[in-house]
N, C-alpha and C. Protein backbone atom coordinates (compact mmCIF):
# COMPACT_ATOMS: atom_id res chain seq x y z
N MET A 1 0.68 -0.89 -0.05
CA MET A 1 -0.28 0.04 0.32
C MET A 1 0.77 1.11 -0.09
N ALA A 2 0.62 2.16 -0.85
CA ALA A 2 1.50 3.49 -0.91
C ALA A 2 0.77 4.69 0.15
N TYR A 3 1.96 5.46 0.24
CA TYR A 3 1.61 6.29 1.07
C TYR A 3 1.59 7.96 0.44
N ILE A 4 0.53 9.00 1.18
CA ILE A 4 0.91 10.31 0.37
C ILE A 4 0.55 11.18 1.63
N ILE A 5 1.21 12.08 1.79
CA ILE A 5 0.81 13.22 2.85
C ILE A 5 0.53 14.65 2.04
N GLU A 6 -0.72 14.68 2.60
CA GLU A 6 -1.91 15.92 2.48
C GLU A 6 -1.30 16.96 2.48
N LYS A 7 -0.87 17.64 1.35
CA LYS A 7 0.23 19.04 1.48
C LYS A 7 -0.39 20.02 2.65
N ASP A 8 -2.17 20.01 2.25
CA ASP A 8 -2.78 21.59 3.29
C ASP A 8 -3.09 20.88 4.49
N ILE A 9 -2.69 19.61 4.83
CA ILE A 9 -2.41 19.07 6.26
C ILE A 9 -1.29 19.10 7.22
N CYS A 10 -0.51 18.98 6.28
CA CYS A 10 0.86 18.50 7.00
C CYS A 10 1.09 20.21 7.57
N GLU A 11 2.31 19.81 8.58
CA GLU A 11 2.72 20.68 9.23
C GLU A 11 3.94 21.34 9.80
N GLY A 12 4.74 20.28 8.40
CA GLY A 12 6.28 20.42 8.02
C GLY A 12 6.75 20.14 9.58
N ILE A 13 6.65 19.27 10.16
CA ILE A 13 7.29 18.98 11.47
C ILE A 13 8.46 17.97 11.14
N ALA A 14 8.46 17.05 10.16
CA ALA A 14 9.11 16.30 9.60
C ALA A 14 9.80 15.21 10.29
N ASP A 15 8.91 14.77 11.22
CA ASP A 15 9.27 13.35 11.98
C ASP A 15 9.38 12.28 10.96
N CYS A 16 8.21 12.55 9.95
CA CYS A 16 8.44 11.40 8.93
C CYS A 16 9.58 11.05 8.05
N VAL A 17 10.00 12.16 7.78
CA VAL A 17 11.56 12.47 7.17
C VAL A 17 12.41 11.69 7.91
N ASP A 18 12.73 11.78 9.17
CA ASP A 18 14.05 11.12 10.46
C ASP A 18 13.71 9.67 10.33
N VAL A 19 12.62 9.04 9.96
CA VAL A 19 12.38 7.66 9.80
C VAL A 19 12.55 6.82 8.96
N CYS A 20 12.34 7.35 8.00
CA CYS A 20 11.77 6.89 6.24
C CYS A 20 13.28 5.97 6.25
N PRO A 21 13.45 4.85 6.02
CA PRO A 21 14.23 3.82 5.34
C PRO A 21 14.99 3.98 4.25
N VAL A 22 14.41 4.91 3.27
CA VAL A 22 14.47 4.89 2.09
C VAL A 22 14.39 6.50 1.10
N ASP A 23 14.39 7.64 2.16
CA ASP A 23 14.99 8.98 1.72
C ASP A 23 13.83 9.44 0.93
N CYS A 24 12.69 9.32 1.04
CA CYS A 24 11.59 9.29 -0.28
C CYS A 24 10.85 10.39 0.16
N ILE A 25 11.06 11.08 1.26
CA ILE A 25 10.13 12.05 1.70
C ILE A 25 11.04 13.78 1.73
N LYS A 26 10.44 14.10 0.57
CA LYS A 26 11.28 15.40 0.32
C LYS A 26 10.52 16.92 0.86
N LEU A 27 10.95 17.86 1.28
CA LEU A 27 10.30 19.13 1.36
C LEU A 27 9.60 19.77 0.32
N GLY A 28 8.64 20.56 0.27
CA GLY A 28 7.65 20.96 -0.89
C GLY A 28 8.51 22.00 -1.26
N LYS A 29 8.18 22.94 -1.96
CA LYS A 29 8.07 23.92 -2.54
C LYS A 29 6.74 25.05 -1.68
N GLY A 30 7.67 25.61 -1.40
CA GLY A 30 6.78 26.98 -0.87
C GLY A 30 5.75 26.80 0.47
N LEU A 31 4.51 27.07 0.83
CA LEU A 31 3.91 26.75 1.92
C LEU A 31 2.68 26.42 1.40
N ASN A 32 2.10 25.48 2.57
CA ASN A 32 0.69 25.01 1.85
C ASN A 32 -0.53 25.99 2.55
N ALA A 33 -1.50 25.71 2.55
CA ALA A 33 -2.70 26.91 2.91
C ALA A 33 -2.53 26.93 4.35
N LYS A 34 -1.89 26.51 4.94
CA LYS A 34 -1.82 26.53 6.55
C LYS A 34 -0.53 27.65 6.60
N LYS A 35 0.01 27.90 5.34
CA LYS A 35 1.16 29.23 5.84
C LYS A 35 2.62 28.11 6.42
N THR A 36 2.25 26.78 6.43
CA THR A 36 3.57 26.31 6.72
C THR A 36 4.57 25.55 5.60
N ALA A 37 5.69 24.89 6.05
CA ALA A 37 6.40 23.91 4.98
C ALA A 37 5.81 22.88 5.37
N PHE A 38 5.48 21.89 4.33
CA PHE A 38 5.27 20.65 3.74
C PHE A 38 5.83 19.62 3.02
N TYR A 39 6.07 18.64 3.13
CA TYR A 39 6.80 17.77 2.62
C TYR A 39 5.74 16.71 1.47
N TYR A 40 6.24 16.02 0.97
CA TYR A 40 5.93 15.17 -0.45
C TYR A 40 6.34 13.56 -0.48
N ILE A 41 5.65 12.56 -0.60
CA ILE A 41 6.58 11.20 -1.24
C ILE A 41 6.71 11.13 -2.22
N GLU A 42 8.04 10.67 -2.70
CA GLU A 42 8.29 10.33 -4.17
C GLU A 42 7.83 8.81 -4.44
N ASP A 43 6.80 8.59 -5.11
CA ASP A 43 6.22 7.35 -5.20
C ASP A 43 7.09 6.40 -6.15
N ASP A 44 7.90 6.62 -6.48
CA ASP A 44 8.84 5.95 -7.51
C ASP A 44 10.03 5.32 -6.19
N ILE A 45 10.34 6.07 -5.59
CA ILE A 45 11.16 5.58 -4.44
C ILE A 45 10.44 4.93 -3.08
N CYS A 46 9.54 5.17 -2.72
CA CYS A 46 8.51 4.86 -1.57
C CYS A 46 8.63 3.42 -1.72
N ILE A 47 8.84 2.49 -0.55
CA ILE A 47 8.48 1.28 -0.22
C ILE A 47 7.54 0.61 0.13
N SER A 48 6.41 1.41 0.38
CA SER A 48 5.30 1.18 1.40
C SER A 48 5.33 0.75 2.94
N CYS A 49 6.63 0.88 3.72
CA CYS A 49 6.55 0.21 4.66
C CYS A 49 5.60 1.00 6.34
N GLY A 50 5.20 2.17 5.83
CA GLY A 50 4.03 2.64 6.75
C GLY A 50 4.65 3.57 7.52
N VAL A 51 6.24 3.58 7.96
CA VAL A 51 6.93 4.24 8.80
C VAL A 51 6.19 5.48 9.17
N CYS A 52 6.27 6.49 8.08
CA CYS A 52 5.71 7.67 7.99
C CYS A 52 4.38 7.86 8.68
N LEU A 53 3.50 7.25 8.57
CA LEU A 53 2.31 7.26 8.57
C LEU A 53 2.47 7.21 10.79
N ASP A 54 3.03 6.16 11.00
CA ASP A 54 3.64 5.99 12.52
C ASP A 54 4.14 6.87 13.20
N ALA A 55 5.09 7.35 12.01
CA ALA A 55 5.40 8.83 12.86
C ALA A 55 4.96 10.41 12.79
N CYS A 56 3.90 10.13 11.92
CA CYS A 56 3.65 11.54 12.05
C CYS A 56 2.56 11.88 13.09
N PRO A 57 2.93 12.97 13.36
CA PRO A 57 1.93 13.43 14.94
C PRO A 57 0.86 14.43 14.63
N VAL A 58 0.48 14.76 13.28
CA VAL A 58 -0.56 15.71 12.62
C VAL A 58 -1.87 14.44 12.24
N GLN A 59 -2.58 14.03 12.34
CA GLN A 59 -3.83 13.33 12.14
C GLN A 59 -4.22 13.65 10.71
N GLY A 60 -4.65 12.63 9.88
CA GLY A 60 -4.43 12.98 8.93
C GLY A 60 -3.42 13.25 7.40
N ALA A 61 -2.68 13.81 7.95
CA ALA A 61 -1.87 14.07 7.23
C ALA A 61 -0.98 13.20 6.37
N VAL A 62 -0.65 12.31 6.69
CA VAL A 62 -0.24 10.81 6.17
C VAL A 62 -0.91 9.82 5.90
N ILE A 63 -1.79 9.43 4.70
CA ILE A 63 -2.37 8.67 4.47
C ILE A 63 -2.69 7.43 3.29
N PRO A 64 -3.07 6.66 3.56
CA PRO A 64 -2.98 5.41 2.38
C PRO A 64 -3.25 5.78 0.99
N ASP A 65 -2.75 5.76 -0.13
CA ASP A 65 -3.15 5.81 -1.35
C ASP A 65 -4.14 4.70 -1.91
């Protein structure tokens, strides 16, 4: 199962970045609707391990795709 990061829910905390075993979570350009930094997942690198979902403190920011 792949995962995505909802741009406008993400708050740029980056706990997911620290735990990702394949470095597929990248900083997005600009700010989201909350006026915070945000991250996104590069689908072609992601191995669908789910650690980003477990690490994220913002409910609904990381979701199954």
